[in-house]
Amino acid sequence: MVITITDNAANQIHEMMKEESAEARLRFGIKGGGCSGLSYSLGFEYDINEELDTVDEINGVPVVFFNQDIPIIEGTQIDYKQNMMGGGFSIDNPNAIVSCGCGSSFRTKDKVGTPGDC
């Protein structure tokens, strides 16, 4: 398994997927940008490219990854936390050596990226 999705996150994703079509899968990966160089990408995907993508089911959630992102996100845990200010997903990536103050971008030892604005 590339990543883990906690029960709280899986429940929230399932609720969100109720408003999507039956073909929807969660796409999790990275993109360049952010003040630390890389940022996470999390959204719904409908088109799968069998040559470029890996599809897995994690805690009941169908998840798609770009193959090239797997070494950078491997071991990551996605959680959903609720507090008095609302709720949101949190991402804990053991490969990240630096994260920005806003928590949305990171850098790894092997994939530094180009830092930008938060």
N, C-alpha and C. Protein backbone atom coordinates (compact mmCIF):
# COMPACT_ATOMS: atom_id res chain seq x y z
N MET A 1 0.84 -1.17 0.00
CA MET A 1 0.00 0.00 0.00
C MET A 1 0.89 1.24 0.00
N VAL A 2 0.62 2.16 -0.90
CA VAL A 2 1.44 3.36 -1.05
C VAL A 2 1.26 4.32 0.12
N ILE A 3 -0.01 4.57 0.49
CA ILE A 3 -0.32 5.49 1.59
C ILE A 3 -1.34 4.84 2.51
N THR A 4 -1.62 5.49 3.63
CA THR A 4 -2.72 5.06 4.48
C THR A 4 -3.72 6.21 4.59
N ILE A 5 -4.97 5.83 4.73
CA ILE A 5 -6.06 6.78 4.92
C ILE A 5 -6.76 6.37 6.21
N THR A 6 -6.80 7.27 7.18
CA THR A 6 -7.44 6.94 8.45
C THR A 6 -8.94 6.77 8.27
N ASP A 7 -9.56 6.17 9.28
CA ASP A 7 -11.02 6.00 9.23
C ASP A 7 -11.74 7.33 9.11
N ASN A 8 -11.27 8.34 9.86
CA ASN A 8 -11.91 9.67 9.79
C ASN A 8 -11.82 10.25 8.39
N ALA A 9 -10.65 10.13 7.76
CA ALA A 9 -10.47 10.66 6.41
C ALA A 9 -11.31 9.86 5.41
N ALA A 10 -11.33 8.53 5.55
CA ALA A 10 -12.11 7.70 4.64
C ALA A 10 -13.60 8.04 4.73
N ASN A 11 -14.09 8.24 5.94
CA ASN A 11 -15.50 8.61 6.12
C ASN A 11 -15.80 9.95 5.44
N GLN A 12 -14.91 10.92 5.60
CA GLN A 12 -15.12 12.24 4.99
C GLN A 12 -15.06 12.14 3.46
N ILE A 13 -14.12 11.38 2.95
CA ILE A 13 -14.00 11.21 1.49
C ILE A 13 -15.25 10.53 0.94
N HIS A 14 -15.75 9.51 1.63
CA HIS A 14 -16.98 8.84 1.18
C HIS A 14 -18.15 9.81 1.14
N GLU A 15 -18.25 10.68 2.14
CA GLU A 15 -19.32 11.68 2.15
C GLU A 15 -19.20 12.61 0.94
N MET A 16 -17.98 13.03 0.65
CA MET A 16 -17.74 13.92 -0.49
C MET A 16 -18.01 13.21 -1.81
N MET A 17 -17.71 11.93 -1.87
CA MET A 17 -17.89 11.16 -3.11
C MET A 17 -19.37 10.94 -3.44
N LYS A 18 -20.24 11.08 -2.47
CA LYS A 18 -21.67 10.92 -2.72
C LYS A 18 -22.17 11.96 -3.72
N GLU A 19 -21.48 13.08 -3.80
CA GLU A 19 -21.86 14.14 -4.72
C GLU A 19 -21.17 14.02 -6.08
N GLU A 20 -20.33 13.00 -6.24
CA GLU A 20 -19.60 12.77 -7.49
C GLU A 20 -20.23 11.60 -8.24
N SER A 21 -19.80 11.39 -9.48
CA SER A 21 -20.31 10.25 -10.25
C SER A 21 -19.69 8.96 -9.73
N ALA A 22 -20.29 7.85 -10.10
CA ALA A 22 -19.85 6.53 -9.63
C ALA A 22 -18.42 6.21 -10.08
N GLU A 23 -17.94 6.86 -11.14
CA GLU A 23 -16.59 6.60 -11.64
C GLU A 23 -15.51 7.37 -10.89
N ALA A 24 -15.89 8.23 -9.98
CA ALA A 24 -14.93 9.09 -9.28
C ALA A 24 -14.00 8.27 -8.40
N ARG A 25 -12.73 8.66 -8.45
CA ARG A 25 -11.70 8.12 -7.57
C ARG A 25 -10.96 9.30 -6.97
N LEU A 26 -10.36 9.09 -5.83
CA LEU A 26 -9.55 10.12 -5.22
C LEU A 26 -8.18 10.11 -5.88
N ARG A 27 -7.72 11.26 -6.37
CA ARG A 27 -6.36 11.34 -6.89
C ARG A 27 -5.52 12.08 -5.85
N PHE A 28 -4.42 11.43 -5.44
CA PHE A 28 -3.50 12.04 -4.49
C PHE A 28 -2.12 12.05 -5.11
N GLY A 29 -1.45 13.19 -5.05
CA GLY A 29 -0.11 13.29 -5.59
C GLY A 29 0.52 14.61 -5.20
N ILE A 30 1.49 15.00 -5.99
CA ILE A 30 2.23 16.23 -5.73
C ILE A 30 2.29 17.07 -7.00
N LYS A 31 2.59 18.33 -6.81
CA LYS A 31 2.84 19.23 -7.93
C LYS A 31 3.90 20.22 -7.48
N GLY A 32 4.57 20.82 -8.44
CA GLY A 32 5.58 21.82 -8.12
C GLY A 32 4.92 23.08 -7.62
N GLY A 33 5.60 23.77 -6.73
CA GLY A 33 5.10 25.05 -6.24
C GLY A 33 4.99 25.08 -4.74
N GLY A 34 4.65 26.22 -4.23
CA GLY A 34 4.59 26.42 -2.78
C GLY A 34 5.92 26.91 -2.27
N CYS A 35 5.92 27.45 -1.08
CA CYS A 35 7.13 28.08 -0.56
C CYS A 35 8.25 27.09 -0.25
N SER A 36 7.94 25.79 -0.13
CA SER A 36 8.98 24.80 0.13
C SER A 36 9.36 24.01 -1.11
N GLY A 37 8.66 24.19 -2.22
CA GLY A 37 9.06 23.54 -3.47
C GLY A 37 8.05 22.59 -4.05
N LEU A 38 7.35 21.81 -3.24
CA LEU A 38 6.34 20.87 -3.70
C LEU A 38 5.08 21.08 -2.88
N SER A 39 3.93 20.80 -3.48
CA SER A 39 2.69 20.85 -2.72
C SER A 39 1.85 19.63 -3.07
N TYR A 40 0.92 19.30 -2.18
CA TYR A 40 0.07 18.14 -2.38
C TYR A 40 -1.09 18.47 -3.30
N SER A 41 -1.51 17.48 -4.03
CA SER A 41 -2.68 17.59 -4.90
C SER A 41 -3.66 16.52 -4.46
N LEU A 42 -4.89 16.95 -4.15
CA LEU A 42 -5.91 16.04 -3.66
C LEU A 42 -7.23 16.44 -4.31
N GLY A 43 -7.82 15.53 -5.07
CA GLY A 43 -9.08 15.84 -5.75
C GLY A 43 -9.67 14.57 -6.34
N PHE A 44 -10.75 14.73 -7.09
CA PHE A 44 -11.39 13.58 -7.70
C PHE A 44 -10.94 13.41 -9.14
N GLU A 45 -10.82 12.16 -9.55
CA GLU A 45 -10.34 11.80 -10.89
C GLU A 45 -11.36 10.88 -11.54
N TYR A 46 -11.56 11.10 -12.84
CA TYR A 46 -12.50 10.27 -13.59
C TYR A 46 -11.82 9.52 -14.72
N ASP A 47 -10.68 10.00 -15.18
CA ASP A 47 -9.95 9.38 -16.29
C ASP A 47 -8.65 8.79 -15.78
N ILE A 48 -8.45 7.51 -16.02
CA ILE A 48 -7.25 6.81 -15.58
C ILE A 48 -6.41 6.48 -16.80
N ASN A 49 -5.10 6.75 -16.72
CA ASN A 49 -4.17 6.39 -17.76
C ASN A 49 -3.39 5.18 -17.26
N GLU A 50 -3.64 4.03 -17.83
CA GLU A 50 -3.05 2.79 -17.33
C GLU A 50 -1.52 2.78 -17.40
N GLU A 51 -0.94 3.59 -18.27
CA GLU A 51 0.52 3.65 -18.38
C GLU A 51 1.14 4.57 -17.33
N LEU A 52 0.42 5.59 -16.93
CA LEU A 52 0.98 6.60 -16.03
C LEU A 52 0.47 6.51 -14.60
N ASP A 53 -0.63 5.80 -14.39
CA ASP A 53 -1.30 5.79 -13.09
C ASP A 53 -1.28 4.42 -12.43
N THR A 54 -1.33 4.44 -11.10
CA THR A 54 -1.55 3.26 -10.29
C THR A 54 -2.86 3.48 -9.54
N VAL A 55 -3.73 2.48 -9.53
CA VAL A 55 -5.00 2.56 -8.83
C VAL A 55 -4.97 1.55 -7.69
N ASP A 56 -5.42 1.98 -6.51
CA ASP A 56 -5.44 1.11 -5.34
C ASP A 56 -6.69 1.42 -4.55
N GLU A 57 -7.14 0.51 -3.74
CA GLU A 57 -8.23 0.79 -2.81
C GLU A 57 -7.65 0.78 -1.42
N ILE A 58 -7.81 1.90 -0.72
CA ILE A 58 -7.22 2.07 0.61
C ILE A 58 -8.34 2.44 1.57
N ASN A 59 -8.55 1.61 2.55
CA ASN A 59 -9.59 1.82 3.56
C ASN A 59 -10.94 2.09 2.89
N GLY A 60 -11.23 1.35 1.82
CA GLY A 60 -12.49 1.48 1.11
C GLY A 60 -12.58 2.63 0.13
N VAL A 61 -11.49 3.37 -0.03
CA VAL A 61 -11.46 4.53 -0.94
C VAL A 61 -10.66 4.17 -2.18
N PRO A 62 -11.24 4.30 -3.38
CA PRO A 62 -10.46 4.08 -4.60
C PRO A 62 -9.54 5.28 -4.82
N VAL A 63 -8.23 5.01 -4.91
CA VAL A 63 -7.23 6.08 -4.99
C VAL A 63 -6.38 5.89 -6.24
N VAL A 64 -6.07 7.01 -6.90
CA VAL A 64 -5.22 7.02 -8.09
C VAL A 64 -3.96 7.82 -7.77
N PHE A 65 -2.81 7.30 -8.21
CA PHE A 65 -1.53 7.97 -8.06
C PHE A 65 -0.84 8.05 -9.41
N PHE A 66 -0.16 9.16 -9.69
CA PHE A 66 0.77 9.18 -10.80
C PHE A 66 1.95 8.32 -10.37
N ASN A 67 2.37 7.39 -11.22
CA ASN A 67 3.49 6.50 -10.87
C ASN A 67 4.72 7.28 -10.43
N GLN A 68 5.00 8.41 -11.07
CA GLN A 68 6.20 9.18 -10.75
C GLN A 68 6.14 9.80 -9.35
N ASP A 69 4.94 9.95 -8.78
CA ASP A 69 4.80 10.54 -7.44
C ASP A 69 5.00 9.54 -6.32
N ILE A 70 4.86 8.27 -6.60
CA ILE A 70 4.87 7.25 -5.56
C ILE A 70 6.11 7.30 -4.67
N PRO A 71 7.33 7.40 -5.19
CA PRO A 71 8.49 7.43 -4.28
C PRO A 71 8.45 8.62 -3.30
N ILE A 72 7.81 9.71 -3.69
CA ILE A 72 7.78 10.91 -2.85
C ILE A 72 6.68 10.84 -1.80
N ILE A 73 5.57 10.16 -2.11
CA ILE A 73 4.44 10.11 -1.18
C ILE A 73 4.33 8.79 -0.42
N GLU A 74 5.18 7.82 -0.75
CA GLU A 74 5.09 6.51 -0.12
C GLU A 74 5.20 6.63 1.40
N GLY A 75 4.29 5.99 2.10
CA GLY A 75 4.28 6.02 3.56
C GLY A 75 3.46 7.16 4.15
N THR A 76 2.90 8.01 3.31
CA THR A 76 2.13 9.16 3.77
C THR A 76 0.81 8.71 4.39
N GLN A 77 0.39 9.42 5.42
CA GLN A 77 -0.91 9.18 6.04
C GLN A 77 -1.81 10.40 5.84
N ILE A 78 -3.02 10.15 5.34
CA ILE A 78 -4.02 11.20 5.21
C ILE A 78 -5.04 11.02 6.32
N ASP A 79 -5.27 12.09 7.07
CA ASP A 79 -6.23 12.07 8.17
C ASP A 79 -7.20 13.22 7.99
N TYR A 80 -8.31 13.17 8.67
CA TYR A 80 -9.27 14.27 8.69
C TYR A 80 -9.51 14.62 10.14
N LYS A 81 -9.30 15.90 10.46
CA LYS A 81 -9.45 16.35 11.84
C LYS A 81 -10.54 17.41 11.92
N GLN A 82 -11.37 17.27 12.91
CA GLN A 82 -12.46 18.21 13.15
C GLN A 82 -12.19 18.93 14.47
N ASN A 83 -12.35 20.26 14.46
CA ASN A 83 -12.23 21.03 15.69
C ASN A 83 -13.27 22.14 15.70
N MET A 84 -13.21 23.01 16.67
CA MET A 84 -14.22 24.06 16.79
C MET A 84 -14.21 25.04 15.62
N MET A 85 -13.10 25.12 14.91
CA MET A 85 -12.97 26.03 13.77
C MET A 85 -13.38 25.37 12.46
N GLY A 86 -13.74 24.11 12.51
CA GLY A 86 -14.10 23.39 11.30
C GLY A 86 -13.26 22.13 11.17
N GLY A 87 -13.18 21.63 9.97
CA GLY A 87 -12.42 20.42 9.75
C GLY A 87 -11.57 20.53 8.51
N GLY A 88 -10.62 19.61 8.40
CA GLY A 88 -9.77 19.60 7.23
C GLY A 88 -8.89 18.37 7.21
N PHE A 89 -8.37 18.09 6.02
CA PHE A 89 -7.46 16.97 5.86
C PHE A 89 -6.07 17.38 6.33
N SER A 90 -5.37 16.43 6.95
CA SER A 90 -3.97 16.64 7.31
C SER A 90 -3.17 15.54 6.64
N ILE A 91 -1.99 15.89 6.19
CA ILE A 91 -1.13 14.96 5.47
C ILE A 91 0.20 14.86 6.21
N ASP A 92 0.57 13.64 6.58
CA ASP A 92 1.82 13.38 7.27
C ASP A 92 2.69 12.53 6.36
N ASN A 93 3.70 13.17 5.76
CA ASN A 93 4.58 12.51 4.80
C ASN A 93 5.95 12.30 5.44
N PRO A 94 6.35 11.04 5.69
CA PRO A 94 7.65 10.79 6.31
C PRO A 94 8.83 11.15 5.41
N ASN A 95 8.58 11.38 4.13
CA ASN A 95 9.65 11.75 3.20
C ASN A 95 9.92 13.24 3.17
N ALA A 96 9.05 14.03 3.78
CA ALA A 96 9.22 15.49 3.79
C ALA A 96 10.25 15.85 4.85
N ILE A 97 11.28 16.60 4.44
CA ILE A 97 12.29 17.03 5.41
C ILE A 97 12.07 18.48 5.84
N VAL A 98 11.33 19.24 5.03
CA VAL A 98 11.01 20.63 5.33
C VAL A 98 9.57 20.87 4.93
N SER A 99 8.80 21.52 5.79
CA SER A 99 7.44 21.94 5.46
C SER A 99 7.32 23.43 5.73
N CYS A 100 6.47 24.09 4.97
CA CYS A 100 6.28 25.52 5.18
C CYS A 100 5.36 25.75 6.37
N GLY A 101 5.31 26.97 6.83
CA GLY A 101 4.49 27.32 7.97
C GLY A 101 3.00 27.10 7.74
N CYS A 102 2.54 27.26 6.50
CA CYS A 102 1.11 27.08 6.23
C CYS A 102 0.76 25.60 6.08
N GLY A 103 1.77 24.71 6.00
CA GLY A 103 1.52 23.28 5.96
C GLY A 103 1.12 22.71 4.62
N SER A 104 1.08 23.55 3.58
CA SER A 104 0.60 23.04 2.29
C SER A 104 1.73 22.70 1.33
N SER A 105 2.96 23.01 1.65
CA SER A 105 4.05 22.63 0.76
C SER A 105 5.18 22.01 1.57
N PHE A 106 6.05 21.29 0.85
CA PHE A 106 7.12 20.54 1.51
C PHE A 106 8.28 20.34 0.56
N ARG A 107 9.36 19.81 1.09
CA ARG A 107 10.53 19.47 0.30
C ARG A 107 11.07 18.15 0.80
N THR A 108 11.59 17.33 -0.11
CA THR A 108 12.22 16.07 0.27
C THR A 108 13.71 16.15 -0.03
N LYS A 109 14.45 15.21 0.53
CA LYS A 109 15.89 15.17 0.31
C LYS A 109 16.22 15.01 -1.17
N ASP A 110 15.47 14.17 -1.87
CA ASP A 110 15.77 13.86 -3.27
C ASP A 110 15.04 14.74 -4.28
N LYS A 111 13.91 15.34 -3.90
CA LYS A 111 13.09 16.15 -4.82
C LYS A 111 12.92 17.54 -4.23
N VAL A 112 13.90 18.37 -4.39
CA VAL A 112 13.87 19.67 -3.75
C VAL A 112 12.80 20.58 -4.32
N GLY A 113 12.62 20.64 -5.62
CA GLY A 113 11.62 21.54 -6.22
C GLY A 113 12.12 22.97 -6.21
N THR A 114 11.29 23.86 -6.69
CA THR A 114 11.62 25.28 -6.74
C THR A 114 10.70 26.03 -5.80
N PRO A 115 11.21 26.52 -4.67
CA PRO A 115 10.35 27.24 -3.74
C PRO A 115 9.70 28.44 -4.39
N GLY A 116 8.45 28.70 -3.98
CA GLY A 116 7.69 29.85 -4.47
C GLY A 116 6.93 30.49 -3.34
N ASP A 117 5.78 31.06 -3.61
CA ASP A 117 4.98 31.71 -2.61
C ASP A 117 3.96 30.74 -2.01
N CYS A 118 3.65 30.93 -0.73
CA CYS A 118 2.58 30.15 -0.07
C CYS A 118 1.24 30.71 -0.45
